[in-house]
Amino acid sequence: MAECPATPGTVRLVESVARGMGISIALEKILVDTPEQAEALAFLGSPTVQVGGRDIESEARSRTDFGLT
């Protein structure tokens, strides 16, 4: 499965925000390609950005409609 076309822009944004905050990050990209993997990773759609296993969008944290989109 190919990388989501929005991923490069999202990666640049996350890196830019981290630099602006003066923090060092370890960025990990994960290709989610099965419904089981989406469920296990609380994956809501591409791209999803999580910090410490939590979605950066607070309203998304209560959702349970995980899957491939």
PDB file of N, CA and C in Angstrom:
ATOM      1  N   MET A   1       0.851  -1.176   0.000  1.00  0.00           N
ATOM      2  CA  MET A   1       0.000   0.000   0.000  1.00  0.00           C
ATOM      3  C   MET A   1       0.900   1.244   0.000  1.00  0.00           C
ATOM      4  N   ALA A   2       0.560   2.229  -0.776  1.00  0.00           N
ATOM      5  CA  ALA A   2       1.362   3.438  -0.910  1.00  0.00           C
ATOM      6  C   ALA A   2       1.133   4.379   0.270  1.00  0.00           C
ATOM      7  N   GLU A   3       2.124   5.212   0.496  1.00  0.00           N
ATOM      8  CA  GLU A   3       2.025   6.221   1.545  1.00  0.00           C
ATOM      9  C   GLU A   3       0.921   7.214   1.210  1.00  0.00           C
ATOM     10  N   CYS A   4       0.205   7.688   2.212  1.00  0.00           N
ATOM     11  CA  CYS A   4      -0.827   8.697   2.040  1.00  0.00           C
ATOM     12  C   CYS A   4      -0.199   9.965   1.472  1.00  0.00           C
ATOM     13  N   PRO A   5      -0.823  10.584   0.472  1.00  0.00           N
ATOM     14  CA  PRO A   5      -0.244  11.789  -0.117  1.00  0.00           C
ATOM     15  C   PRO A   5      -0.156  12.967   0.856  1.00  0.00           C
ATOM     16  N   ALA A   6      -0.922  12.933   1.945  1.00  0.00           N
ATOM     17  CA  ALA A   6      -0.864  14.011   2.929  1.00  0.00           C
ATOM     18  C   ALA A   6       0.270  13.838   3.938  1.00  0.00           C
ATOM     19  N   THR A   7       0.899  12.669   3.953  1.00  0.00           N
ATOM     20  CA  THR A   7       1.926  12.389   4.954  1.00  0.00           C
ATOM     21  C   THR A   7       3.115  13.345   4.891  1.00  0.00           C
ATOM     22  N   PRO A   8       3.729  13.600   3.738  1.00  0.00           N
ATOM     23  CA  PRO A   8       4.901  14.498   3.732  1.00  0.00           C
ATOM     24  C   PRO A   8       4.600  15.886   4.319  1.00  0.00           C
ATOM     25  N   GLY A   9       3.461  16.454   3.981  1.00  0.00           N
ATOM     26  CA  GLY A   9       3.105  17.766   4.529  1.00  0.00           C
ATOM     27  C   GLY A   9       2.871  17.715   6.026  1.00  0.00           C
ATOM     28  N   THR A  10       2.257  16.636   6.487  1.00  0.00           N
ATOM     29  CA  THR A  10       2.007  16.474   7.920  1.00  0.00           C
ATOM     30  C   THR A  10       3.319  16.320   8.674  1.00  0.00           C
ATOM     31  N   VAL A  11       4.233  15.552   8.124  1.00  0.00           N
ATOM     32  CA  VAL A  11       5.547  15.374   8.754  1.00  0.00           C
ATOM     33  C   VAL A  11       6.259  16.722   8.854  1.00  0.00           C
ATOM     34  N   ARG A  12       6.235  17.499   7.767  1.00  0.00           N
ATOM     35  CA  ARG A  12       6.878  18.830   7.800  1.00  0.00           C
ATOM     36  C   ARG A  12       6.242  19.717   8.867  1.00  0.00           C
ATOM     37  N   LEU A  13       4.927  19.680   8.984  1.00  0.00           N
ATOM     38  CA  LEU A  13       4.228  20.494   9.977  1.00  0.00           C
ATOM     39  C   LEU A  13       4.605  20.081  11.396  1.00  0.00           C
ATOM     40  N   VAL A  14       4.601  18.794  11.673  1.00  0.00           N
ATOM     41  CA  VAL A  14       4.959  18.301  13.011  1.00  0.00           C
ATOM     42  C   VAL A  14       6.397  18.693  13.349  1.00  0.00           C
ATOM     43  N   GLU A  15       7.302  18.524  12.406  1.00  0.00           N
ATOM     44  CA  GLU A  15       8.703  18.898  12.644  1.00  0.00           C
ATOM     45  C   GLU A  15       8.834  20.398  12.870  1.00  0.00           C
ATOM     46  N   SER A  16       8.099  21.197  12.120  1.00  0.00           N
ATOM     47  CA  SER A  16       8.144  22.649  12.268  1.00  0.00           C
ATOM     48  C   SER A  16       7.621  23.090  13.636  1.00  0.00           C
ATOM     49  N   VAL A  17       6.523  22.499  14.060  1.00  0.00           N
ATOM     50  CA  VAL A  17       5.959  22.832  15.370  1.00  0.00           C
ATOM     51  C   VAL A  17       6.945  22.466  16.474  1.00  0.00           C
ATOM     52  N   ALA A  18       7.544  21.297  16.378  1.00  0.00           N
ATOM     53  CA  ALA A  18       8.522  20.876  17.392  1.00  0.00           C
ATOM     54  C   ALA A  18       9.705  21.838  17.437  1.00  0.00           C
ATOM     55  N   ARG A  19      10.223  22.205  16.256  1.00  0.00           N
ATOM     56  CA  ARG A  19      11.331  23.164  16.216  1.00  0.00           C
ATOM     57  C   ARG A  19      10.924  24.489  16.849  1.00  0.00           C
ATOM     58  N   GLY A  20       9.732  24.949  16.509  1.00  0.00           N
ATOM     59  CA  GLY A  20       9.242  26.207  17.062  1.00  0.00           C
ATOM     60  C   GLY A  20       9.091  26.177  18.571  1.00  0.00           C
ATOM     61  N   MET A  21       8.825  25.006  19.112  1.00  0.00           N
ATOM     62  CA  MET A  21       8.692  24.841  20.565  1.00  0.00           C
ATOM     63  C   MET A  21      10.035  24.549  21.219  1.00  0.00           C
ATOM     64  N   GLY A  22      11.061  24.358  20.386  1.00  0.00           N
ATOM     65  CA  GLY A  22      12.390  24.070  20.911  1.00  0.00           C
ATOM     66  C   GLY A  22      12.515  22.694  21.524  1.00  0.00           C
ATOM     67  N   ILE A  23      11.752  21.740  20.996  1.00  0.00           N
ATOM     68  CA  ILE A  23      11.837  20.388  21.543  1.00  0.00           C
ATOM     69  C   ILE A  23      12.340  19.419  20.473  1.00  0.00           C
ATOM     70  N   SER A  24      12.975  18.378  20.950  1.00  0.00           N
ATOM     71  CA  SER A  24      13.465  17.321  20.078  1.00  0.00           C
ATOM     72  C   SER A  24      12.417  16.211  20.047  1.00  0.00           C
ATOM     73  N   ILE A  25      12.170  15.683  18.858  1.00  0.00           N
ATOM     74  CA  ILE A  25      11.183  14.609  18.751  1.00  0.00           C
ATOM     75  C   ILE A  25      11.781  13.404  18.033  1.00  0.00           C
ATOM     76  N   ALA A  26      11.203  12.267  18.311  1.00  0.00           N
ATOM     77  CA  ALA A  26      11.518  11.045  17.573  1.00  0.00           C
ATOM     78  C   ALA A  26      10.255  10.713  16.791  1.00  0.00           C
ATOM     79  N   LEU A  27      10.270  11.031  15.519  1.00  0.00           N
ATOM     80  CA  LEU A  27       9.101  10.847  14.667  1.00  0.00           C
ATOM     81  C   LEU A  27       9.107   9.437  14.091  1.00  0.00           C
ATOM     82  N   GLU A  28       7.987   8.762  14.222  1.00  0.00           N
ATOM     83  CA  GLU A  28       7.859   7.404  13.696  1.00  0.00           C
ATOM     84  C   GLU A  28       6.670   7.358  12.753  1.00  0.00           C
ATOM     85  N   LYS A  29       6.916   6.942  11.526  1.00  0.00           N
ATOM     86  CA  LYS A  29       5.827   6.763  10.569  1.00  0.00           C
ATOM     87  C   LYS A  29       5.475   5.282  10.530  1.00  0.00           C
ATOM     88  N   ILE A  30       4.181   4.997  10.618  1.00  0.00           N
ATOM     89  CA  ILE A  30       3.702   3.621  10.600  1.00  0.00           C
ATOM     90  C   ILE A  30       2.700   3.485   9.468  1.00  0.00           C
ATOM     91  N   LEU A  31       2.935   2.552   8.575  1.00  0.00           N
ATOM     92  CA  LEU A  31       2.004   2.266   7.501  1.00  0.00           C
ATOM     93  C   LEU A  31       0.946   1.295   8.029  1.00  0.00           C
ATOM     94  N   VAL A  32      -0.277   1.756   8.112  1.00  0.00           N
ATOM     95  CA  VAL A  32      -1.386   0.947   8.613  1.00  0.00           C
ATOM     96  C   VAL A  32      -2.099   0.362   7.403  1.00  0.00           C
ATOM     97  N   ASP A  33      -2.108  -0.962   7.312  1.00  0.00           N
ATOM     98  CA  ASP A  33      -2.700  -1.559   6.113  1.00  0.00           C
ATOM     99  C   ASP A  33      -3.675  -2.697   6.369  1.00  0.00           C
ATOM    100  N   THR A  34      -4.052  -2.899   7.632  1.00  0.00           N
ATOM    101  CA  THR A  34      -5.088  -3.890   7.935  1.00  0.00           C
ATOM    102  C   THR A  34      -6.073  -3.295   8.940  1.00  0.00           C
ATOM    103  N   PRO A  35      -7.321  -3.727   8.905  1.00  0.00           N
ATOM    104  CA  PRO A  35      -8.292  -3.252   9.900  1.00  0.00           C
ATOM    105  C   PRO A  35      -7.862  -3.586  11.337  1.00  0.00           C
ATOM    106  N   GLU A  36      -7.234  -4.723  11.523  1.00  0.00           N
ATOM    107  CA  GLU A  36      -6.778  -5.115  12.856  1.00  0.00           C
ATOM    108  C   GLU A  36      -5.698  -4.164  13.369  1.00  0.00           C
ATOM    109  N   GLN A  37      -4.802  -3.782  12.493  1.00  0.00           N
ATOM    110  CA  GLN A  37      -3.743  -2.833  12.860  1.00  0.00           C
ATOM    111  C   GLN A  37      -4.360  -1.467  13.166  1.00  0.00           C
ATOM    112  N   ALA A  38      -5.347  -1.044  12.378  1.00  0.00           N
ATOM    113  CA  ALA A  38      -6.027   0.229  12.619  1.00  0.00           C
ATOM    114  C   ALA A  38      -6.675   0.240  13.999  1.00  0.00           C
ATOM    115  N   GLU A  39      -7.325  -0.846  14.353  1.00  0.00           N
ATOM    116  CA  GLU A  39      -7.965  -0.958  15.673  1.00  0.00           C
ATOM    117  C   GLU A  39      -6.924  -0.901  16.788  1.00  0.00           C
ATOM    118  N   ALA A  40      -5.862  -1.669  16.649  1.00  0.00           N
ATOM    119  CA  ALA A  40      -4.830  -1.731  17.688  1.00  0.00           C
ATOM    120  C   ALA A  40      -4.134  -0.388  17.894  1.00  0.00           C
ATOM    121  N   LEU A  41      -4.017   0.396  16.828  1.00  0.00           N
ATOM    122  CA  LEU A  41      -3.308   1.681  16.906  1.00  0.00           C
ATOM    123  C   LEU A  41      -4.244   2.873  17.083  1.00  0.00           C
ATOM    124  N   ALA A  42      -5.545   2.620  17.248  1.00  0.00           N
ATOM    125  CA  ALA A  42      -6.543   3.695  17.353  1.00  0.00           C
ATOM    126  C   ALA A  42      -6.420   4.649  16.175  1.00  0.00           C
ATOM    127  N   PHE A  43      -6.349   4.063  14.988  1.00  0.00           N
ATOM    128  CA  PHE A  43      -6.142   4.806  13.746  1.00  0.00           C
ATOM    129  C   PHE A  43      -7.486   5.250  13.183  1.00  0.00           C
ATOM    130  N   LEU A  44      -7.661   6.575  13.048  1.00  0.00           N
ATOM    131  CA  LEU A  44      -8.933   7.133  12.585  1.00  0.00           C
ATOM    132  C   LEU A  44      -8.906   7.528  11.117  1.00  0.00           C
ATOM    133  N   GLY A  45      -7.774   7.580  10.520  1.00  0.00           N
ATOM    134  CA  GLY A  45      -7.658   7.994   9.128  1.00  0.00           C
ATOM    135  C   GLY A  45      -6.285   8.561   8.872  1.00  0.00           C
ATOM    136  N   SER A  46      -6.006   8.754   7.621  1.00  0.00           N
ATOM    137  CA  SER A  46      -4.661   9.156   7.243  1.00  0.00           C
ATOM    138  C   SER A  46      -4.605  10.622   6.866  1.00  0.00           C
ATOM    139  N   PRO A  47      -3.614  11.303   7.385  1.00  0.00           N
ATOM    140  CA  PRO A  47      -2.670  10.854   8.413  1.00  0.00           C
ATOM    141  C   PRO A  47      -3.229  11.096   9.812  1.00  0.00           C
ATOM    142  N   THR A  48      -2.851  10.259  10.725  1.00  0.00           N
ATOM    143  CA  THR A  48      -3.175  10.421  12.135  1.00  0.00           C
ATOM    144  C   THR A  48      -1.882  10.778  12.854  1.00  0.00           C
ATOM    145  N   VAL A  49      -1.941  11.767  13.729  1.00  0.00           N
ATOM    146  CA  VAL A  49      -0.762  12.156  14.506  1.00  0.00           C
ATOM    147  C   VAL A  49      -1.074  11.877  15.971  1.00  0.00           C
ATOM    148  N   GLN A  50      -0.217  11.074  16.576  1.00  0.00           N
ATOM    149  CA  GLN A  50      -0.368  10.749  17.988  1.00  0.00           C
ATOM    150  C   GLN A  50       0.911  11.112  18.726  1.00  0.00           C
ATOM    151  N   VAL A  51       0.748  11.514  19.978  1.00  0.00           N
ATOM    152  CA  VAL A  51       1.873  11.772  20.873  1.00  0.00           C
ATOM    153  C   VAL A  51       1.643  10.909  22.101  1.00  0.00           C
ATOM    154  N   GLY A  52       2.583  10.045  22.372  1.00  0.00           N
ATOM    155  CA  GLY A  52       2.434   9.144  23.511  1.00  0.00           C
ATOM    156  C   GLY A  52       1.224   8.230  23.380  1.00  0.00           C
ATOM    157  N   GLY A  53       0.873   7.874  22.135  1.00  0.00           N
ATOM    158  CA  GLY A  53      -0.249   6.979  21.900  1.00  0.00           C
ATOM    159  C   GLY A  53      -1.613   7.649  21.920  1.00  0.00           C
ATOM    160  N   ARG A  54      -1.646   8.976  22.040  1.00  0.00           N
ATOM    161  CA  ARG A  54      -2.913   9.720  22.067  1.00  0.00           C
ATOM    162  C   ARG A  54      -2.979  10.641  20.857  1.00  0.00           C
ATOM    163  N   ASP A  55      -4.154  10.685  20.237  1.00  0.00           N
ATOM    164  CA  ASP A  55      -4.375  11.560  19.096  1.00  0.00           C
ATOM    165  C   ASP A  55      -4.169  13.005  19.522  1.00  0.00           C
ATOM    166  N   ILE A  56      -3.549  13.812  18.660  1.00  0.00           N
ATOM    167  CA  ILE A  56      -3.327  15.212  19.012  1.00  0.00           C
ATOM    168  C   ILE A  56      -4.609  16.026  18.972  1.00  0.00           C
ATOM    169  N   GLU A  57      -5.639  15.510  18.317  1.00  0.00           N
ATOM    170  CA  GLU A  57      -6.926  16.186  18.271  1.00  0.00           C
ATOM    171  C   GLU A  57      -7.778  15.692  19.432  1.00  0.00           C
ATOM    172  N   SER A  58      -7.998  16.551  20.408  1.00  0.00           N
ATOM    173  CA  SER A  58      -8.693  16.122  21.629  1.00  0.00           C
ATOM    174  C   SER A  58     -10.078  15.550  21.342  1.00  0.00           C
ATOM    175  N   GLU A  59     -10.810  16.101  20.371  1.00  0.00           N
ATOM    176  CA  GLU A  59     -12.146  15.577  20.070  1.00  0.00           C
ATOM    177  C   GLU A  59     -12.099  14.193  19.447  1.00  0.00           C
ATOM    178  N   ALA A  60     -10.964  13.809  18.900  1.00  0.00           N
ATOM    179  CA  ALA A  60     -10.832  12.491  18.292  1.00  0.00           C
ATOM    180  C   ALA A  60     -10.579  11.400  19.340  1.00  0.00           C
ATOM    181  N   ARG A  61     -10.181  11.783  20.529  1.00  0.00           N
ATOM    182  CA  ARG A  61      -9.800  10.799  21.544  1.00  0.00           C
ATOM    183  C   ARG A  61     -10.951   9.935  22.026  1.00  0.00           C
ATOM    184  N   SER A  62     -12.177  10.401  21.887  1.00  0.00           N
ATOM    185  CA  SER A  62     -13.316   9.616  22.342  1.00  0.00           C
ATOM    186  C   SER A  62     -13.934   8.781  21.215  1.00  0.00           C
ATOM    187  N   ARG A  63     -13.416   8.936  20.013  1.00  0.00           N
ATOM    188  CA  ARG A  63     -13.960   8.181  18.869  1.00  0.00           C
ATOM    189  C   ARG A  63     -13.485   6.731  18.893  1.00  0.00           C
ATOM    190  N   THR A  64     -14.301   5.879  18.296  1.00  0.00           N
ATOM    191  CA  THR A  64     -13.949   4.465  18.247  1.00  0.00           C
ATOM    192  C   THR A  64     -14.151   3.889  16.848  1.00  0.00           C
ATOM    193  N   ASP A  65     -14.332   4.761  15.863  1.00  0.00           N
ATOM    194  CA  ASP A  65     -14.559   4.304  14.482  1.00  0.00           C
ATOM    195  C   ASP A  65     -13.236   4.133  13.736  1.00  0.00           C
ATOM    196  N   PHE A  66     -12.382   3.312  14.308  1.00  0.00           N
ATOM    197  CA  PHE A  66     -11.061   3.078  13.744  1.00  0.00           C
ATOM    198  C   PHE A  66     -11.159   2.302  12.432  1.00  0.00           C
ATOM    199  N   GLY A  67     -10.257   2.578  11.535  1.00  0.00           N
ATOM    200  CA  GLY A  67     -10.268   1.846  10.269  1.00  0.00           C
ATOM    201  C   GLY A  67      -9.435   2.525   9.219  1.00  0.00           C
ATOM    202  N   LEU A  68      -9.435   1.923   8.052  1.00  0.00           N
ATOM    203  CA  LEU A  68      -8.676   2.428   6.926  1.00  0.00           C
ATOM    204  C   LEU A  68      -9.540   3.379   6.112  1.00  0.00           C
ATOM    205  N   THR A  69      -9.002   4.551   5.818  1.00  0.00           N
ATOM    206  CA  THR A  69      -9.732   5.523   4.992  1.00  0.00           C
ATOM    207  C   THR A  69      -8.843   6.069   3.911  1.00  0.00           C
TER     208      THR A  69
END
